[in-house]
Amino acid sequence: MTKVLIATEKPFAAQAVSEIKAVLDTAGFEYSFFEKYNGQDEFIGAVKDADALIIRSDKVTTEVIAAAPQLKIVVRAGAGYDNVDLNAATAANVIVMNTPGQNSNAVAELALGMMVYQARNHFNGASGTELKGKKLGIHAYGNVGRYVANIAKGFGMEVYAYDPFVRKEDIEKDGVIVKDSVEELYSNCDYISLHIPANEQTKESINYGLLSKMKKGATLVNTARKEVINENDLVRVFEENESFKYLSDIAPGNKDLLEEKFTGRCFFTPKKMGAQTAEANINAGIAAAKQIIAFINDGNTTFKVN
């Protein structure tokens, strides 16, 4: 019988757990939940007899994969998968999948919520500004980007996007204006919503060359990964553009410095919160379970990322 280990240092919500169990019970799969564990050593010890693994932000390292000789598939319940060593998984013939789209609305709502929070001066009672009529640039027009565009249009924003991997006509059919270069996007917009993945090509790619092109008073919103930001360049732009603002649900390494020097111009959530809604939690967990069943029973690799 296939054994599924749901290893979540940050557990799924109770309803998600209940529905994951129901999906796996229907398929006749064995499963166990490994929650709130303390460190990688405990994780490594728990995977030894797992055929399949569902994770959230948990790190699937070379050591984890080596400790699981029966492992066939890892599914990250979420969009990002930089917490999985893809090379080690591939070498061990382990399929890695994510669950794209399941958290997208939650992330998009957070991005727009942070924009409102900043525009209204963190709700401190002082007069602020409105989003209506402002130009929003979406950097990477994937699942989250599409949701951001839809919500932003409801606010009456002018929506622009740059994504060299998405056909121009597919973006334009959503009523979004396509920019031909990332530099043009950053220089044109009042808000930039960032949705690129963290990989060798994108790490620290949001640098002085791009950020220095942003308008006076412009705001960068990052619900992607902190690694894509060049944090030294970020400080330089804060100093040179005295009305530049930065919002993120991933606190940068220089968080204390930014909050001390640029009070009121930056905001960071206490932890990564893009997918922290009951709905996203449930959707991603159920999708992960169903993808494992489809792979084990039918060889379906639709969401394979390695």
Protein backbone atom coordinates (compact mmCIF):
# COMPACT_ATOMS: atom_id res chain seq x y z
CA MET A 1 0.00 0.00 0.00
CA THR A 2 1.26 3.50 -0.87
CA LYS A 3 2.28 5.46 2.20
CA VAL A 4 1.97 9.24 2.12
CA LEU A 5 3.78 11.37 4.70
CA ILE A 6 2.35 14.85 5.21
CA ALA A 7 5.35 16.63 6.74
CA THR A 8 4.41 20.14 7.80
CA GLU A 9 6.38 22.09 10.38
CA LYS A 10 3.56 24.63 9.93
CA PRO A 11 0.50 22.32 9.98
CA PHE A 12 -2.39 22.50 7.57
CA ALA A 13 -5.63 23.93 8.93
CA ALA A 14 -7.98 21.42 10.58
CA GLN A 15 -10.40 21.46 7.64
CA ALA A 16 -7.54 20.89 5.20
CA VAL A 17 -6.33 17.91 7.25
CA SER A 18 -9.83 16.46 7.28
CA GLU A 19 -10.24 16.81 3.50
CA ILE A 20 -6.74 15.48 2.73
CA LYS A 21 -7.59 12.40 4.83
CA ALA A 22 -10.86 11.93 2.96
CA VAL A 23 -9.15 12.09 -0.45
CA LEU A 24 -6.44 9.61 0.56
CA ASP A 25 -8.94 7.28 2.29
CA THR A 26 -11.03 7.13 -0.87
CA ALA A 27 -7.93 6.15 -2.84
CA GLY A 28 -7.00 3.47 -0.30
CA PHE A 29 -3.66 5.10 0.51
CA GLU A 30 -1.99 4.86 3.91
CA TYR A 31 -0.92 8.20 5.40
CA SER A 32 0.51 9.89 8.47
CA PHE A 33 0.84 13.51 9.55
CA PHE A 34 4.19 14.71 10.85
CA GLU A 35 3.57 18.19 12.26
CA LYS A 36 5.38 20.84 14.30
CA TYR A 37 8.63 18.87 14.27
CA ASN A 38 11.89 20.27 15.59
CA GLY A 39 14.56 20.53 12.93
CA GLN A 40 15.83 18.59 9.94
CA ASP A 41 17.07 15.61 11.94
CA GLU A 42 13.52 14.76 13.00
CA PHE A 43 12.32 15.22 9.44
CA ILE A 44 15.02 12.92 8.09
CA GLY A 45 14.04 10.26 10.60
CA ALA A 46 10.38 10.40 9.59
CA VAL A 47 10.71 9.80 5.85
CA LYS A 48 12.36 6.38 5.81
CA ASP A 49 9.27 4.40 4.72
CA ALA A 50 7.40 7.10 2.75
CA ASP A 51 6.43 6.50 -0.88
CA ALA A 52 5.08 10.03 -1.28
CA LEU A 53 5.62 13.30 0.54
CA ILE A 54 3.45 16.39 0.91
CA ILE A 55 5.22 19.49 2.25
CA ARG A 56 4.64 23.20 2.68
CA SER A 57 7.73 25.30 3.45
CA ASP A 58 9.62 22.25 4.68
CA LYS A 59 13.10 21.70 3.23
CA VAL A 60 13.58 18.54 1.18
CA THR A 61 17.36 18.33 1.05
CA THR A 62 19.80 15.78 -0.31
CA GLU A 63 19.84 14.20 3.16
CA VAL A 64 16.04 13.91 3.29
CA ILE A 65 15.92 12.24 -0.12
CA ALA A 66 18.79 9.87 0.77
CA ALA A 67 16.92 8.80 3.91
CA ALA A 68 13.81 7.83 1.92
CA PRO A 69 14.72 4.90 -0.37
CA GLN A 70 11.06 4.23 -1.27
CA LEU A 71 10.24 7.83 -2.13
CA LYS A 72 8.68 8.32 -5.56
CA ILE A 73 7.11 11.77 -5.43
CA VAL A 74 7.27 15.04 -3.47
CA VAL A 75 4.48 17.59 -3.81
CA ARG A 76 4.94 21.10 -2.51
CA ALA A 77 1.51 22.41 -1.50
CA GLY A 78 2.02 25.84 -3.02
CA ALA A 79 3.56 27.49 -6.06
CA GLY A 80 7.20 27.99 -5.08
CA TYR A 81 9.45 24.96 -4.81
CA ASP A 82 12.88 26.40 -4.04
CA ASN A 83 12.78 24.53 -0.72
CA VAL A 84 13.27 21.24 -2.63
CA ASP A 85 16.66 20.12 -3.95
CA LEU A 86 15.58 19.35 -7.50
CA ASN A 87 18.96 17.97 -8.57
CA ALA A 88 19.02 15.49 -5.69
CA ALA A 89 15.42 14.47 -6.41
CA THR A 90 16.11 13.94 -10.10
CA ALA A 91 19.23 11.89 -9.35
CA ALA A 92 17.14 9.64 -7.10
CA ASN A 93 14.32 9.34 -9.70
CA VAL A 94 11.94 11.24 -7.43
CA ILE A 95 9.27 13.34 -9.15
CA VAL A 96 8.75 16.83 -7.71
CA MET A 97 5.51 18.77 -8.24
CA ASN A 98 3.97 22.00 -7.04
CA THR A 99 0.29 23.00 -6.93
CA PRO A 100 0.15 26.10 -9.14
CA GLY A 101 -2.85 28.37 -8.87
CA GLN A 102 -4.17 27.08 -5.55
CA ASN A 103 -2.76 30.00 -3.52
CA SER A 104 -2.99 32.63 -6.26
CA ASN A 105 -6.03 34.57 -5.09
CA ALA A 106 -4.73 34.67 -1.51
CA VAL A 107 -1.39 36.12 -2.63
CA ALA A 108 -3.07 38.63 -4.94
CA GLU A 109 -5.42 39.88 -2.24
CA LEU A 110 -2.46 40.35 0.11
CA ALA A 111 -0.54 42.34 -2.51
CA LEU A 112 -3.45 44.73 -3.05
CA GLY A 113 -4.14 44.86 0.69
CA MET A 114 -0.59 46.02 1.36
CA MET A 115 -0.94 48.66 -1.35
CA VAL A 116 -4.05 50.04 0.37
CA TYR A 117 -2.31 49.92 3.76
CA GLN A 118 0.63 51.94 2.46
CA ALA A 119 -1.49 54.37 0.46
CA ARG A 120 -3.45 55.17 3.63
CA ASN A 121 -0.28 55.73 5.69
CA HIS A 122 -0.61 52.48 7.65
CA PHE A 123 -4.03 53.67 8.84
CA ASN A 124 -2.48 56.24 11.18
CA GLY A 125 -5.26 58.78 10.70
CA ALA A 126 -3.36 61.04 8.30
CA SER A 127 -4.65 61.82 4.82
CA GLY A 128 -3.51 59.30 2.23
CA THR A 129 -4.00 58.57 -1.45
CA GLU A 130 -6.23 56.29 -3.54
CA LEU A 131 -5.35 53.41 -5.83
CA LYS A 132 -7.90 54.48 -8.44
CA GLY A 133 -6.21 55.92 -11.51
CA LYS A 134 -2.74 54.79 -10.46
CA LYS A 135 -0.57 52.68 -12.77
CA LEU A 136 0.18 49.17 -11.59
CA GLY A 137 2.95 47.14 -13.19
CA ILE A 138 2.88 43.35 -12.81
CA HIS A 139 6.31 41.76 -13.11
CA ALA A 140 5.59 38.15 -14.21
CA TYR A 141 2.10 37.42 -15.45
CA GLY A 142 1.49 33.91 -14.13
CA ASN A 143 -1.37 32.67 -11.98
CA VAL A 144 -0.87 35.25 -9.25
CA GLY A 145 -0.27 38.06 -11.73
CA ARG A 146 -3.60 37.39 -13.40
CA TYR A 147 -5.45 37.58 -10.09
CA VAL A 148 -3.61 40.79 -9.20
CA ALA A 149 -4.66 42.32 -12.52
CA ASN A 150 -8.30 41.37 -12.03
CA ILE A 151 -8.50 42.79 -8.51
CA ALA A 152 -6.56 45.95 -9.45
CA LYS A 153 -8.98 46.69 -12.28
CA GLY A 154 -11.75 46.58 -9.70
CA PHE A 155 -9.94 49.38 -7.89
CA GLY A 156 -9.86 51.36 -11.14
CA MET A 157 -6.10 51.06 -11.63
CA GLU A 158 -4.38 51.12 -15.03
CA VAL A 159 -2.74 47.71 -15.29
CA TYR A 160 0.49 46.94 -17.15
CA ALA A 161 2.56 43.75 -17.28
CA TYR A 162 5.89 42.37 -18.40
CA ASP A 163 6.50 38.66 -18.89
CA PRO A 164 8.66 37.37 -21.76
CA PHE A 165 7.31 33.85 -21.21
CA VAL A 166 3.64 34.71 -21.77
CA ARG A 167 2.26 35.58 -25.20
CA LYS A 168 1.40 39.26 -25.60
CA GLU A 169 -2.09 38.47 -26.90
CA ASP A 170 -2.82 36.29 -23.85
CA ILE A 171 -2.05 39.20 -21.54
CA GLU A 172 -3.89 41.77 -23.63
CA LYS A 173 -7.09 39.73 -23.69
CA ASP A 174 -7.30 40.36 -19.92
CA GLY A 175 -7.39 44.10 -20.57
CA VAL A 176 -3.76 44.52 -19.50
CA ILE A 177 -1.24 46.67 -21.36
CA VAL A 178 1.98 44.84 -22.22
CA LYS A 179 5.36 46.53 -21.79
CA ASP A 180 8.16 45.36 -24.05
CA SER A 181 10.90 45.57 -21.43
CA VAL A 182 11.14 45.27 -17.67
CA GLU A 183 12.86 48.66 -17.55
CA GLU A 184 9.87 50.27 -19.26
CA LEU A 185 7.52 48.64 -16.76
CA TYR A 186 9.45 49.92 -13.73
CA SER A 187 9.84 53.46 -15.05
CA ASN A 188 6.20 53.81 -16.04
CA CYS A 189 4.26 52.64 -12.98
CA ASP A 190 3.26 53.96 -9.57
CA TYR A 191 3.17 50.44 -8.12
CA ILE A 192 5.13 47.34 -9.11
CA SER A 193 3.82 43.95 -7.97
CA LEU A 194 6.60 41.38 -8.12
CA HIS A 195 5.88 37.70 -8.86
CA ILE A 196 9.06 36.19 -10.31
CA PRO A 197 10.44 32.90 -8.93
CA ALA A 198 13.79 32.66 -7.16
CA ASN A 199 16.34 30.87 -9.32
CA GLU A 200 19.88 31.36 -10.55
CA GLN A 201 18.71 33.80 -13.23
CA THR A 202 16.52 35.93 -10.96
CA LYS A 203 18.37 36.10 -7.64
CA GLU A 204 19.24 39.75 -6.88
CA SER A 205 17.95 40.71 -10.33
CA ILE A 206 15.79 43.44 -8.79
CA ASN A 207 18.78 45.72 -8.46
CA TYR A 208 19.80 49.35 -8.65
CA GLY A 209 19.55 49.35 -12.43
CA LEU A 210 15.83 48.60 -12.22
CA LEU A 211 14.86 50.23 -8.93
CA SER A 212 16.53 53.53 -9.79
CA LYS A 213 14.17 53.84 -12.75
CA MET A 214 11.07 53.90 -10.53
CA LYS A 215 9.09 57.12 -10.31
CA LYS A 216 9.18 59.46 -7.33
CA GLY A 217 6.67 58.10 -4.84
CA ALA A 218 6.52 54.66 -6.45
CA THR A 219 5.98 51.51 -4.39
CA LEU A 220 7.49 48.05 -4.90
CA VAL A 221 5.39 45.16 -3.55
CA ASN A 222 7.16 41.82 -3.19
CA THR A 223 5.08 38.70 -2.49
CA ALA A 224 7.56 36.49 -4.33
CA ARG A 225 10.90 35.70 -2.65
CA LYS A 226 13.36 37.91 -0.79
CA GLU A 227 16.28 36.41 -2.72
CA VAL A 228 15.26 38.22 -5.91
CA ILE A 229 16.01 41.60 -4.30
CA ASN A 230 19.51 43.06 -4.12
CA GLU A 231 19.20 44.41 -0.59
CA ASN A 232 22.24 46.71 -0.74
CA ASP A 233 20.82 48.33 -3.87
CA LEU A 234 17.44 48.59 -2.14
CA VAL A 235 19.00 50.74 0.59
CA ARG A 236 20.68 52.94 -2.02
CA VAL A 237 17.36 53.54 -3.79
CA PHE A 238 15.64 54.39 -0.48
CA GLU A 239 18.34 57.00 0.11
CA GLU A 240 18.24 58.53 -3.37
CA ASN A 241 14.49 58.39 -4.00
CA GLU A 242 13.12 59.92 -0.80
CA SER A 243 9.53 58.90 -1.51
CA PHE A 244 10.22 55.32 -2.66
CA LYS A 245 8.39 52.63 -0.68
CA TYR A 246 8.87 48.87 -0.28
CA LEU A 247 6.29 46.36 1.00
CA SER A 248 6.81 42.63 1.38
CA ASP A 249 5.54 39.51 3.08
CA ILE A 250 9.14 38.29 3.29
CA ALA A 251 11.26 40.34 5.66
CA PRO A 252 14.62 41.20 4.07
CA GLY A 253 17.90 40.44 5.78
CA ASN A 254 18.34 44.17 6.50
CA LYS A 255 14.81 44.60 7.88
CA ASP A 256 15.92 46.39 11.08
CA LEU A 257 18.03 48.88 9.13
CA LEU A 258 15.21 49.69 6.71
CA GLU A 259 12.61 50.12 9.44
CA GLU A 260 14.92 52.35 11.47
CA LYS A 261 16.13 54.58 8.63
CA PHE A 262 13.00 54.71 6.46
CA THR A 263 10.13 54.69 8.93
CA GLY A 264 6.73 54.76 7.25
CA ARG A 265 8.17 53.87 3.85
CA CYS A 266 8.41 50.12 4.33
CA PHE A 267 6.24 47.35 5.74
CA PHE A 268 6.94 43.65 6.33
CA THR A 269 4.51 41.05 7.61
CA PRO A 270 5.69 39.02 10.65
CA LYS A 271 6.06 35.91 8.47
CA LYS A 272 5.41 34.93 4.87
CA MET A 273 1.66 35.34 4.54
CA GLY A 274 0.78 35.13 0.86
CA ALA A 275 -0.81 31.70 1.18
CA GLN A 276 -2.02 32.12 4.76
CA THR A 277 -5.76 31.87 4.22
CA ALA A 278 -8.07 29.01 5.10
CA GLU A 279 -9.13 28.68 1.47
CA ALA A 280 -5.59 28.53 0.06
CA ASN A 281 -4.53 26.10 2.78
CA ILE A 282 -7.37 23.74 1.94
CA ASN A 283 -7.06 24.07 -1.84
CA ALA A 284 -3.31 23.41 -1.91
CA GLY A 285 -3.52 20.45 0.46
CA ILE A 286 -6.30 18.73 -1.48
CA ALA A 287 -4.54 19.39 -4.80
CA ALA A 288 -1.33 17.86 -3.46
CA ALA A 289 -3.12 14.70 -2.34
CA LYS A 290 -4.95 14.35 -5.67
CA GLN A 291 -1.73 14.84 -7.65
CA ILE A 292 -0.04 12.06 -5.70
CA ILE A 293 -2.95 9.72 -6.39
CA ALA A 294 -2.96 10.60 -10.10
CA PHE A 295 0.78 9.98 -10.33
CA ILE A 296 0.83 6.69 -8.40
CA ASN A 297 -2.26 5.27 -10.10
CA ASP A 298 -1.94 6.68 -13.62
CA GLY A 299 1.59 8.06 -14.01
CA ASN A 300 0.24 11.60 -14.39
CA THR A 301 3.11 14.13 -14.23
CA THR A 302 1.21 17.29 -15.24
CA PHE A 303 2.73 19.51 -12.55
CA LYS A 304 6.24 18.06 -12.57
CA VAL A 305 8.95 20.71 -12.01
CA ASN A 306 12.14 18.62 -12.28
